[in-house]
N, C-alpha and C. Protein backbone atom coordinates (compact mmCIF):
# COMPACT_ATOMS: atom_id res chain seq x y z
N UNK A 1 4.14 -31.87 -2.94
CA UNK A 1 2.99 -31.66 -2.07
C UNK A 1 3.32 -31.99 -0.62
N UNK A 2 4.19 -32.94 -0.42
CA UNK A 2 4.50 -33.37 0.94
C UNK A 2 5.15 -32.27 1.77
N UNK A 3 5.79 -31.30 1.11
CA UNK A 3 6.45 -30.22 1.83
C UNK A 3 5.53 -29.04 2.12
N UNK A 4 4.33 -29.06 1.58
CA UNK A 4 3.40 -27.94 1.76
C UNK A 4 2.55 -28.13 3.00
N UNK A 5 2.02 -27.01 3.54
CA UNK A 5 1.09 -27.14 4.67
C UNK A 5 -0.12 -27.99 4.26
N UNK A 6 -0.67 -28.69 5.21
CA UNK A 6 -1.79 -29.62 4.96
C UNK A 6 -2.95 -28.94 4.24
N UNK A 7 -3.24 -27.69 4.58
CA UNK A 7 -4.40 -27.03 4.00
C UNK A 7 -4.29 -26.81 2.50
N UNK A 8 -3.08 -26.87 1.96
CA UNK A 8 -2.89 -26.59 0.54
C UNK A 8 -3.71 -27.52 -0.35
N UNK A 9 -3.85 -28.78 0.03
CA UNK A 9 -4.59 -29.70 -0.84
C UNK A 9 -6.07 -29.34 -0.95
N UNK A 10 -6.56 -28.50 -0.04
CA UNK A 10 -7.98 -28.10 -0.05
C UNK A 10 -8.21 -26.75 -0.73
N UNK A 11 -7.14 -26.10 -1.18
CA UNK A 11 -7.29 -24.80 -1.82
C UNK A 11 -7.69 -24.98 -3.28
N UNK A 12 -8.12 -23.87 -3.89
CA UNK A 12 -8.51 -23.92 -5.30
C UNK A 12 -7.39 -24.51 -6.14
N UNK A 13 -7.74 -25.14 -7.21
CA UNK A 13 -6.85 -25.81 -8.15
C UNK A 13 -6.23 -27.07 -7.54
N UNK A 14 -5.69 -26.99 -6.36
CA UNK A 14 -5.11 -28.18 -5.73
C UNK A 14 -6.20 -29.22 -5.45
N UNK A 15 -7.33 -28.77 -4.92
CA UNK A 15 -8.36 -29.72 -4.50
C UNK A 15 -8.92 -30.52 -5.68
N UNK A 16 -8.78 -30.00 -6.89
CA UNK A 16 -9.27 -30.73 -8.06
C UNK A 16 -8.28 -31.77 -8.56
N UNK A 17 -7.03 -31.68 -8.10
CA UNK A 17 -6.00 -32.57 -8.63
C UNK A 17 -5.33 -33.45 -7.59
N UNK A 18 -5.51 -33.14 -6.32
CA UNK A 18 -4.86 -33.92 -5.27
C UNK A 18 -5.91 -34.81 -4.61
N UNK A 19 -5.63 -36.11 -4.52
CA UNK A 19 -6.60 -37.02 -3.90
C UNK A 19 -7.00 -36.55 -2.49
N UNK A 20 -8.29 -36.52 -2.25
CA UNK A 20 -8.82 -36.11 -0.95
C UNK A 20 -9.02 -34.61 -0.82
N UNK A 21 -8.61 -33.85 -1.80
CA UNK A 21 -8.69 -32.39 -1.73
C UNK A 21 -10.10 -31.83 -1.76
N UNK A 22 -11.05 -32.61 -2.23
CA UNK A 22 -12.44 -32.13 -2.28
C UNK A 22 -13.26 -32.57 -1.07
N UNK A 23 -12.61 -32.88 0.02
CA UNK A 23 -13.29 -33.28 1.26
C UNK A 23 -14.07 -32.08 1.80
N UNK A 24 -15.39 -32.16 1.72
CA UNK A 24 -16.27 -31.04 2.08
C UNK A 24 -16.08 -30.61 3.54
N UNK A 25 -15.86 -31.55 4.42
CA UNK A 25 -15.66 -31.24 5.83
C UNK A 25 -14.38 -30.43 6.05
N UNK A 26 -13.31 -30.85 5.40
CA UNK A 26 -12.03 -30.13 5.51
C UNK A 26 -12.12 -28.73 4.88
N UNK A 27 -12.78 -28.66 3.73
CA UNK A 27 -12.96 -27.36 3.08
C UNK A 27 -13.68 -26.39 4.01
N UNK A 28 -14.73 -26.87 4.64
CA UNK A 28 -15.50 -26.02 5.56
C UNK A 28 -14.66 -25.61 6.76
N UNK A 29 -13.88 -26.55 7.28
CA UNK A 29 -13.05 -26.24 8.44
C UNK A 29 -11.99 -25.18 8.10
N UNK A 30 -11.32 -25.33 6.96
CA UNK A 30 -10.29 -24.37 6.59
C UNK A 30 -10.89 -23.01 6.24
N UNK A 31 -12.05 -23.01 5.63
CA UNK A 31 -12.72 -21.74 5.34
C UNK A 31 -13.10 -21.04 6.65
N UNK A 32 -13.49 -21.81 7.65
CA UNK A 32 -13.85 -21.21 8.94
C UNK A 32 -12.63 -20.58 9.61
N UNK A 33 -11.48 -21.19 9.46
CA UNK A 33 -10.25 -20.67 10.06
C UNK A 33 -9.75 -19.44 9.31
N UNK A 34 -9.75 -19.50 7.97
CA UNK A 34 -9.11 -18.45 7.16
C UNK A 34 -10.08 -17.45 6.55
N UNK A 35 -11.35 -17.71 6.64
CA UNK A 35 -12.32 -16.78 6.06
C UNK A 35 -12.23 -16.75 4.54
N UNK A 36 -12.68 -15.65 3.97
CA UNK A 36 -12.75 -15.51 2.51
C UNK A 36 -11.37 -15.60 1.86
N UNK A 37 -10.32 -15.27 2.59
CA UNK A 37 -8.97 -15.30 2.02
C UNK A 37 -8.55 -16.72 1.66
N UNK A 38 -9.20 -17.72 2.23
CA UNK A 38 -8.87 -19.10 1.88
C UNK A 38 -8.97 -19.33 0.38
N UNK A 39 -9.87 -18.60 -0.28
CA UNK A 39 -10.05 -18.78 -1.72
C UNK A 39 -8.87 -18.25 -2.53
N UNK A 40 -7.98 -17.50 -1.90
CA UNK A 40 -6.77 -17.02 -2.59
C UNK A 40 -5.53 -17.79 -2.17
N UNK A 41 -5.65 -18.69 -1.22
CA UNK A 41 -4.48 -19.34 -0.64
C UNK A 41 -3.76 -20.30 -1.59
N UNK A 42 -4.40 -20.70 -2.67
CA UNK A 42 -3.69 -21.55 -3.63
C UNK A 42 -2.48 -20.79 -4.19
N UNK A 43 -2.56 -19.47 -4.25
CA UNK A 43 -1.41 -18.69 -4.71
C UNK A 43 -0.25 -18.80 -3.71
N UNK A 44 -0.56 -18.76 -2.42
CA UNK A 44 0.48 -18.92 -1.42
C UNK A 44 1.11 -20.31 -1.56
N UNK A 45 0.27 -21.31 -1.73
CA UNK A 45 0.78 -22.68 -1.87
C UNK A 45 1.65 -22.81 -3.11
N UNK A 46 1.24 -22.19 -4.22
CA UNK A 46 2.09 -22.20 -5.41
C UNK A 46 3.40 -21.47 -5.14
N UNK A 47 3.35 -20.38 -4.39
CA UNK A 47 4.57 -19.67 -4.03
C UNK A 47 5.52 -20.53 -3.23
N UNK A 48 4.97 -21.30 -2.28
CA UNK A 48 5.80 -22.22 -1.51
C UNK A 48 6.41 -23.29 -2.40
N UNK A 49 5.61 -23.82 -3.34
CA UNK A 49 6.13 -24.83 -4.27
C UNK A 49 7.26 -24.27 -5.12
N UNK A 50 7.09 -23.06 -5.60
CA UNK A 50 8.11 -22.45 -6.45
C UNK A 50 9.38 -22.16 -5.66
N UNK A 51 9.21 -21.75 -4.40
CA UNK A 51 10.38 -21.54 -3.54
C UNK A 51 11.10 -22.86 -3.31
N UNK A 52 10.35 -23.91 -3.01
CA UNK A 52 10.97 -25.23 -2.81
C UNK A 52 11.68 -25.69 -4.07
N UNK A 53 11.06 -25.47 -5.21
CA UNK A 53 11.67 -25.85 -6.48
C UNK A 53 13.00 -25.11 -6.66
N UNK A 54 13.00 -23.83 -6.33
CA UNK A 54 14.21 -23.02 -6.48
C UNK A 54 15.33 -23.50 -5.57
N UNK A 55 14.98 -23.88 -4.37
CA UNK A 55 16.00 -24.17 -3.37
C UNK A 55 16.38 -25.65 -3.27
N UNK A 56 15.53 -26.55 -3.73
CA UNK A 56 15.77 -27.97 -3.49
C UNK A 56 16.07 -28.80 -4.74
N UNK A 57 16.02 -28.19 -5.90
CA UNK A 57 16.16 -28.97 -7.13
C UNK A 57 17.49 -28.81 -7.85
N UNK A 58 18.47 -28.22 -7.21
CA UNK A 58 19.80 -28.10 -7.82
C UNK A 58 19.80 -27.31 -9.12
N UNK A 59 19.02 -26.27 -9.16
CA UNK A 59 18.92 -25.45 -10.36
C UNK A 59 20.10 -24.49 -10.47
N UNK A 60 20.31 -23.99 -11.66
CA UNK A 60 21.36 -22.98 -11.81
C UNK A 60 20.85 -21.63 -11.29
N UNK A 61 21.73 -20.68 -11.23
CA UNK A 61 21.42 -19.37 -10.63
C UNK A 61 20.21 -18.71 -11.30
N UNK A 62 20.17 -18.70 -12.62
CA UNK A 62 19.08 -18.04 -13.34
C UNK A 62 17.74 -18.75 -13.11
N UNK A 63 17.76 -20.06 -13.10
CA UNK A 63 16.54 -20.81 -12.84
C UNK A 63 16.04 -20.56 -11.42
N UNK A 64 16.98 -20.55 -10.48
CA UNK A 64 16.62 -20.29 -9.08
C UNK A 64 16.00 -18.90 -8.96
N UNK A 65 16.61 -17.90 -9.57
CA UNK A 65 16.08 -16.53 -9.52
C UNK A 65 14.68 -16.47 -10.14
N UNK A 66 14.48 -17.19 -11.23
CA UNK A 66 13.17 -17.20 -11.87
C UNK A 66 12.10 -17.70 -10.91
N UNK A 67 12.34 -18.85 -10.28
CA UNK A 67 11.33 -19.42 -9.39
C UNK A 67 11.12 -18.57 -8.14
N UNK A 68 12.21 -18.03 -7.59
CA UNK A 68 12.07 -17.17 -6.41
C UNK A 68 11.26 -15.91 -6.74
N UNK A 69 11.52 -15.33 -7.89
CA UNK A 69 10.79 -14.13 -8.31
C UNK A 69 9.33 -14.47 -8.58
N UNK A 70 9.11 -15.58 -9.23
CA UNK A 70 7.73 -16.00 -9.52
C UNK A 70 6.97 -16.27 -8.22
N UNK A 71 7.65 -16.82 -7.24
CA UNK A 71 7.02 -17.06 -5.94
C UNK A 71 6.59 -15.74 -5.29
N UNK A 72 7.38 -14.69 -5.46
CA UNK A 72 7.01 -13.37 -4.91
C UNK A 72 5.68 -12.90 -5.48
N UNK A 73 5.47 -13.13 -6.77
CA UNK A 73 4.19 -12.74 -7.37
C UNK A 73 3.03 -13.50 -6.73
N UNK A 74 3.24 -14.77 -6.45
CA UNK A 74 2.20 -15.58 -5.80
C UNK A 74 1.90 -15.06 -4.39
N UNK A 75 2.96 -14.75 -3.63
CA UNK A 75 2.76 -14.21 -2.29
C UNK A 75 2.03 -12.88 -2.35
N UNK A 76 2.42 -12.04 -3.29
CA UNK A 76 1.78 -10.73 -3.42
C UNK A 76 0.30 -10.85 -3.76
N UNK A 77 -0.07 -11.89 -4.51
CA UNK A 77 -1.47 -12.10 -4.85
C UNK A 77 -2.30 -12.18 -3.56
N UNK A 78 -1.81 -12.91 -2.61
CA UNK A 78 -2.53 -13.06 -1.34
C UNK A 78 -2.40 -11.79 -0.50
N UNK A 79 -1.20 -11.24 -0.43
CA UNK A 79 -0.98 -10.05 0.41
C UNK A 79 -1.85 -8.87 -0.01
N UNK A 80 -2.12 -8.74 -1.28
CA UNK A 80 -2.94 -7.61 -1.74
C UNK A 80 -4.43 -7.85 -1.53
N UNK A 81 -4.81 -9.06 -1.21
CA UNK A 81 -6.22 -9.38 -1.07
C UNK A 81 -6.65 -9.71 0.36
N UNK A 82 -5.69 -9.99 1.20
CA UNK A 82 -6.01 -10.41 2.58
C UNK A 82 -6.22 -9.19 3.48
N UNK A 83 -7.17 -9.31 4.40
CA UNK A 83 -7.35 -8.22 5.38
C UNK A 83 -6.18 -8.21 6.37
N UNK A 84 -5.98 -7.09 7.04
CA UNK A 84 -4.86 -6.95 7.98
C UNK A 84 -4.91 -7.91 9.15
N UNK A 85 -6.09 -8.48 9.41
CA UNK A 85 -6.18 -9.43 10.53
C UNK A 85 -6.13 -10.89 10.07
N UNK A 86 -5.76 -11.11 8.82
CA UNK A 86 -5.67 -12.49 8.31
C UNK A 86 -4.59 -13.23 9.08
N UNK A 87 -4.94 -14.39 9.57
CA UNK A 87 -4.09 -15.14 10.49
C UNK A 87 -2.71 -15.48 9.92
N UNK A 88 -2.59 -15.70 8.62
CA UNK A 88 -1.31 -16.10 8.04
C UNK A 88 -0.53 -14.94 7.42
N UNK A 89 -1.02 -13.74 7.55
CA UNK A 89 -0.33 -12.60 6.95
C UNK A 89 1.12 -12.46 7.42
N UNK A 90 1.41 -12.54 8.73
CA UNK A 90 2.81 -12.43 9.15
C UNK A 90 3.71 -13.50 8.51
N UNK A 91 3.22 -14.72 8.43
CA UNK A 91 3.99 -15.80 7.82
C UNK A 91 4.29 -15.51 6.35
N UNK A 92 3.29 -15.00 5.63
CA UNK A 92 3.49 -14.71 4.21
C UNK A 92 4.50 -13.59 4.03
N UNK A 93 4.43 -12.57 4.87
CA UNK A 93 5.42 -11.49 4.79
C UNK A 93 6.83 -12.03 5.05
N UNK A 94 6.97 -12.95 5.98
CA UNK A 94 8.30 -13.52 6.27
C UNK A 94 8.79 -14.35 5.08
N UNK A 95 7.92 -15.17 4.52
CA UNK A 95 8.32 -15.98 3.35
C UNK A 95 8.75 -15.07 2.20
N UNK A 96 8.02 -13.99 2.00
CA UNK A 96 8.39 -13.04 0.96
C UNK A 96 9.76 -12.42 1.28
N UNK A 97 9.97 -12.03 2.54
CA UNK A 97 11.24 -11.46 2.95
C UNK A 97 12.41 -12.40 2.74
N UNK A 98 12.23 -13.66 3.05
CA UNK A 98 13.29 -14.65 2.88
C UNK A 98 13.66 -14.75 1.40
N UNK A 99 12.66 -14.78 0.53
CA UNK A 99 12.97 -14.86 -0.90
C UNK A 99 13.66 -13.60 -1.38
N UNK A 100 13.26 -12.45 -0.86
CA UNK A 100 13.92 -11.21 -1.24
C UNK A 100 15.39 -11.21 -0.83
N UNK A 101 15.69 -11.74 0.34
CA UNK A 101 17.08 -11.87 0.78
C UNK A 101 17.84 -12.76 -0.21
N UNK A 102 17.23 -13.87 -0.60
CA UNK A 102 17.86 -14.78 -1.55
C UNK A 102 18.10 -14.12 -2.90
N UNK A 103 17.29 -13.12 -3.22
CA UNK A 103 17.42 -12.40 -4.49
C UNK A 103 18.28 -11.15 -4.35
N UNK A 104 18.98 -11.02 -3.22
CA UNK A 104 19.86 -9.88 -2.94
C UNK A 104 19.10 -8.56 -2.89
N UNK A 105 17.89 -8.60 -2.35
CA UNK A 105 17.07 -7.41 -2.18
C UNK A 105 16.78 -7.20 -0.70
N UNK A 106 17.87 -7.20 0.09
CA UNK A 106 17.78 -7.11 1.54
C UNK A 106 17.00 -5.92 2.06
N UNK A 107 17.23 -4.70 1.55
CA UNK A 107 16.49 -3.56 2.09
C UNK A 107 14.96 -3.71 1.96
N UNK A 108 14.52 -4.32 0.87
CA UNK A 108 13.07 -4.56 0.72
C UNK A 108 12.63 -5.68 1.65
N UNK A 109 13.50 -6.66 1.84
CA UNK A 109 13.19 -7.77 2.75
C UNK A 109 12.97 -7.27 4.17
N UNK A 110 13.80 -6.32 4.59
CA UNK A 110 13.66 -5.77 5.95
C UNK A 110 12.25 -5.24 6.16
N UNK A 111 11.71 -4.57 5.16
CA UNK A 111 10.35 -4.04 5.26
C UNK A 111 9.33 -5.15 5.46
N UNK A 112 9.54 -6.29 4.80
CA UNK A 112 8.61 -7.42 4.94
C UNK A 112 8.68 -8.00 6.35
N UNK A 113 9.90 -8.18 6.86
CA UNK A 113 10.05 -8.72 8.21
C UNK A 113 9.44 -7.77 9.24
N UNK A 114 9.68 -6.47 9.06
CA UNK A 114 9.13 -5.49 10.00
C UNK A 114 7.61 -5.44 9.94
N UNK A 115 7.05 -5.63 8.74
CA UNK A 115 5.59 -5.65 8.60
C UNK A 115 5.02 -6.85 9.35
N UNK A 116 5.68 -8.00 9.25
CA UNK A 116 5.24 -9.19 9.98
C UNK A 116 5.28 -8.93 11.49
N UNK A 117 6.34 -8.28 11.95
CA UNK A 117 6.49 -7.97 13.37
C UNK A 117 5.41 -7.00 13.82
N UNK A 118 5.13 -6.01 12.99
CA UNK A 118 4.08 -5.03 13.31
C UNK A 118 2.73 -5.72 13.46
N UNK A 119 2.43 -6.69 12.60
CA UNK A 119 1.15 -7.38 12.64
C UNK A 119 1.05 -8.35 13.81
N UNK A 120 2.18 -8.98 14.15
CA UNK A 120 2.18 -9.98 15.23
C UNK A 120 3.50 -9.90 15.97
N UNK A 121 3.57 -9.01 16.96
CA UNK A 121 4.84 -8.77 17.66
C UNK A 121 5.46 -10.00 18.32
N UNK A 122 4.69 -11.05 18.59
CA UNK A 122 5.25 -12.23 19.22
C UNK A 122 5.59 -13.33 18.20
N UNK A 123 5.59 -13.00 16.92
CA UNK A 123 5.93 -13.97 15.88
C UNK A 123 7.45 -14.05 15.76
N UNK A 124 8.03 -14.97 16.49
CA UNK A 124 9.48 -15.04 16.63
C UNK A 124 10.21 -15.27 15.31
N UNK A 125 9.56 -15.94 14.36
CA UNK A 125 10.22 -16.24 13.10
C UNK A 125 10.65 -14.98 12.36
N UNK A 126 9.83 -13.93 12.43
CA UNK A 126 10.18 -12.68 11.75
C UNK A 126 11.46 -12.08 12.34
N UNK A 127 11.57 -12.09 13.66
CA UNK A 127 12.78 -11.59 14.30
C UNK A 127 13.98 -12.45 13.93
N UNK A 128 13.78 -13.77 13.91
CA UNK A 128 14.87 -14.68 13.59
C UNK A 128 15.41 -14.45 12.18
N UNK A 129 14.51 -14.34 11.21
CA UNK A 129 14.95 -14.12 9.82
C UNK A 129 15.61 -12.76 9.65
N UNK A 130 15.05 -11.75 10.30
CA UNK A 130 15.64 -10.41 10.21
C UNK A 130 17.03 -10.40 10.85
N UNK A 131 17.17 -11.05 11.99
CA UNK A 131 18.46 -11.15 12.66
C UNK A 131 19.47 -11.91 11.79
N UNK A 132 19.01 -12.99 11.17
CA UNK A 132 19.89 -13.75 10.29
C UNK A 132 20.39 -12.89 9.14
N UNK A 133 19.50 -12.07 8.58
CA UNK A 133 19.90 -11.19 7.49
C UNK A 133 20.97 -10.21 7.97
N UNK A 134 20.73 -9.57 9.12
CA UNK A 134 21.71 -8.62 9.64
C UNK A 134 23.05 -9.30 9.90
N UNK A 135 23.02 -10.48 10.47
CA UNK A 135 24.25 -11.22 10.75
C UNK A 135 24.99 -11.54 9.45
N UNK A 136 24.25 -11.98 8.45
CA UNK A 136 24.83 -12.29 7.14
C UNK A 136 25.51 -11.06 6.54
N UNK A 137 24.97 -9.89 6.81
CA UNK A 137 25.53 -8.64 6.30
C UNK A 137 26.69 -8.13 7.15
N UNK A 138 26.96 -8.81 8.27
CA UNK A 138 28.03 -8.38 9.16
C UNK A 138 27.58 -7.33 10.17
N UNK A 139 26.29 -7.07 10.21
CA UNK A 139 25.73 -6.10 11.15
C UNK A 139 25.34 -6.83 12.44
N UNK A 140 26.34 -7.15 13.24
CA UNK A 140 26.13 -7.92 14.46
C UNK A 140 25.28 -7.13 15.46
N UNK A 141 25.50 -5.83 15.53
CA UNK A 141 24.70 -4.99 16.45
C UNK A 141 23.23 -5.03 16.05
N UNK A 142 22.95 -4.94 14.75
CA UNK A 142 21.56 -5.00 14.28
C UNK A 142 20.95 -6.37 14.56
N UNK A 143 21.73 -7.42 14.37
CA UNK A 143 21.25 -8.78 14.64
C UNK A 143 20.92 -8.93 16.13
N UNK A 144 21.82 -8.45 16.99
CA UNK A 144 21.60 -8.55 18.44
C UNK A 144 20.37 -7.75 18.87
N UNK A 145 20.25 -6.52 18.37
CA UNK A 145 19.11 -5.66 18.74
C UNK A 145 17.80 -6.32 18.32
N UNK A 146 17.79 -6.93 17.14
CA UNK A 146 16.59 -7.60 16.65
C UNK A 146 16.23 -8.78 17.56
N UNK A 147 17.23 -9.57 17.93
CA UNK A 147 16.97 -10.70 18.83
C UNK A 147 16.49 -10.23 20.19
N UNK A 148 17.10 -9.18 20.71
CA UNK A 148 16.66 -8.66 22.01
C UNK A 148 15.21 -8.18 21.94
N UNK A 149 14.87 -7.50 20.85
CA UNK A 149 13.50 -7.04 20.66
C UNK A 149 12.54 -8.23 20.56
N UNK A 150 12.95 -9.26 19.85
CA UNK A 150 12.12 -10.45 19.71
C UNK A 150 11.92 -11.17 21.03
N UNK A 151 12.98 -11.26 21.82
CA UNK A 151 12.88 -11.95 23.11
C UNK A 151 12.00 -11.22 24.10
N UNK A 152 11.84 -9.92 23.93
CA UNK A 152 10.89 -9.17 24.77
C UNK A 152 9.48 -9.67 24.51
N UNK A 153 9.16 -9.92 23.24
CA UNK A 153 7.80 -10.32 22.85
C UNK A 153 7.59 -11.83 22.86
N UNK A 154 8.66 -12.58 22.73
CA UNK A 154 8.58 -14.03 22.68
C UNK A 154 9.74 -14.62 23.49
N UNK A 155 9.70 -14.44 24.83
CA UNK A 155 10.85 -14.79 25.67
C UNK A 155 11.19 -16.27 25.73
N UNK A 156 10.26 -17.13 25.39
CA UNK A 156 10.52 -18.56 25.48
C UNK A 156 10.87 -19.19 24.13
N UNK A 157 11.13 -18.38 23.14
CA UNK A 157 11.40 -18.89 21.80
C UNK A 157 12.76 -19.58 21.73
N UNK A 158 12.77 -20.89 21.51
CA UNK A 158 14.05 -21.59 21.37
C UNK A 158 14.86 -21.06 20.18
N UNK A 159 14.19 -20.70 19.08
CA UNK A 159 14.89 -20.20 17.91
C UNK A 159 15.63 -18.90 18.17
N UNK A 160 15.00 -17.99 18.91
CA UNK A 160 15.65 -16.72 19.23
C UNK A 160 16.76 -16.92 20.26
N UNK A 161 16.52 -17.77 21.23
CA UNK A 161 17.54 -18.04 22.25
C UNK A 161 18.78 -18.67 21.62
N UNK A 162 18.57 -19.62 20.70
CA UNK A 162 19.70 -20.28 20.03
C UNK A 162 20.49 -19.26 19.22
N UNK A 163 19.80 -18.40 18.50
CA UNK A 163 20.49 -17.38 17.70
C UNK A 163 21.29 -16.43 18.60
N UNK A 164 20.72 -16.07 19.74
CA UNK A 164 21.43 -15.17 20.66
C UNK A 164 22.68 -15.85 21.19
N UNK A 165 22.60 -17.12 21.52
CA UNK A 165 23.76 -17.87 21.98
C UNK A 165 24.83 -17.93 20.89
N UNK A 166 24.41 -18.20 19.67
CA UNK A 166 25.36 -18.25 18.55
C UNK A 166 26.01 -16.89 18.32
N UNK A 167 25.22 -15.83 18.43
CA UNK A 167 25.74 -14.48 18.24
C UNK A 167 26.75 -14.14 19.33
N UNK A 168 26.46 -14.54 20.56
CA UNK A 168 27.39 -14.30 21.67
C UNK A 168 28.68 -15.07 21.46
N UNK A 169 28.57 -16.28 20.93
CA UNK A 169 29.77 -17.09 20.67
C UNK A 169 30.64 -16.43 19.61
N UNK A 170 30.01 -15.83 18.61
CA UNK A 170 30.76 -15.11 17.57
C UNK A 170 31.52 -13.97 18.20
N UNK A 171 30.85 -13.19 19.04
CA UNK A 171 31.50 -12.06 19.70
C UNK A 171 32.59 -12.53 20.66
N UNK A 172 32.32 -13.59 21.42
CA UNK A 172 33.32 -14.12 22.36
C UNK A 172 34.54 -14.62 21.60
N UNK A 173 34.32 -15.25 20.44
CA UNK A 173 35.42 -15.73 19.61
C UNK A 173 36.30 -14.60 19.12
N UNK A 174 35.69 -13.49 18.76
CA UNK A 174 36.47 -12.32 18.30
C UNK A 174 37.30 -11.76 19.45
N UNK A 175 36.69 -11.71 20.64
CA UNK A 175 37.42 -11.18 21.80
C UNK A 175 38.59 -12.09 22.14
N UNK A 176 38.37 -13.41 22.09
CA UNK A 176 39.42 -14.36 22.41
C UNK A 176 40.56 -14.27 21.40
N UNK A 177 40.24 -14.20 20.12
CA UNK A 177 41.27 -14.10 19.09
C UNK A 177 42.10 -12.84 19.28
N UNK A 178 41.45 -11.74 19.58
CA UNK A 178 42.18 -10.49 19.75
C UNK A 178 43.13 -10.58 20.95
N UNK A 179 42.67 -11.21 22.03
CA UNK A 179 43.50 -11.23 23.23
C UNK A 179 44.67 -12.21 23.11
N UNK A 180 44.56 -13.22 22.21
CA UNK A 180 45.65 -14.19 22.10
C UNK A 180 46.50 -13.97 20.86
N UNK A 181 46.09 -13.09 19.98
CA UNK A 181 46.84 -12.83 18.75
C UNK A 181 47.89 -11.75 19.03
N UNK A 182 49.18 -12.11 18.97
CA UNK A 182 50.22 -11.12 19.27
C UNK A 182 50.26 -9.99 18.25
N UNK A 183 49.72 -10.23 17.05
CA UNK A 183 49.73 -9.19 16.03
C UNK A 183 48.53 -8.22 16.16
N UNK A 184 47.60 -8.58 17.03
CA UNK A 184 46.41 -7.74 17.18
C UNK A 184 46.80 -6.41 17.84
N UNK A 185 46.19 -5.32 17.39
CA UNK A 185 46.52 -4.04 18.01
C UNK A 185 46.10 -4.00 19.47
N UNK A 186 46.87 -3.30 20.24
CA UNK A 186 46.55 -3.14 21.66
C UNK A 186 45.46 -2.09 21.79
N UNK A 187 44.38 -2.43 22.53
CA UNK A 187 43.31 -1.46 22.70
C UNK A 187 43.82 -0.19 23.42
N UNK A 188 43.38 0.95 22.97
CA UNK A 188 43.74 2.22 23.60
C UNK A 188 42.81 2.48 24.76
N UNK A 189 43.34 3.06 25.82
CA UNK A 189 42.51 3.38 26.99
C UNK A 189 42.39 4.86 27.15
């Protein structure tokens, strides 16, 4: 529970089992922020718990895949019920995308990251995760383009700036190795 967002203790099922979860004032406040979708958010919280279980408990590959896949079902429960203007929709799409990457379903993950960006163009996390995926795949140009696009919408994002610096260092390192490696082919002009 300590790793979950604070509002999780006030969602259905959680509020009946977590001390303080039935606080009427908090329930009203969270319902005011999230609207009717708050009543489905326990699924998102369960998805986060299952993701944490998969990634933090030293499970074997099959167990990890089970929990990551099960978390996707929880995320989808909310995604299919939330309106397009739901405040946490971009975050849920990103969490789903991250799990899809972990499950080696990158092409589907890209769609989730892009959906988050479409809903909230200044949500830097979506650009960061998408860029990380491209970089992991060796698509440095795709990673750079994603970061550049993100910095247009979120120019002060430390996360995007750090990734861009790291990406530039990777490229600079390749250039330096080529120029100092006597076995490297000579560039044609």
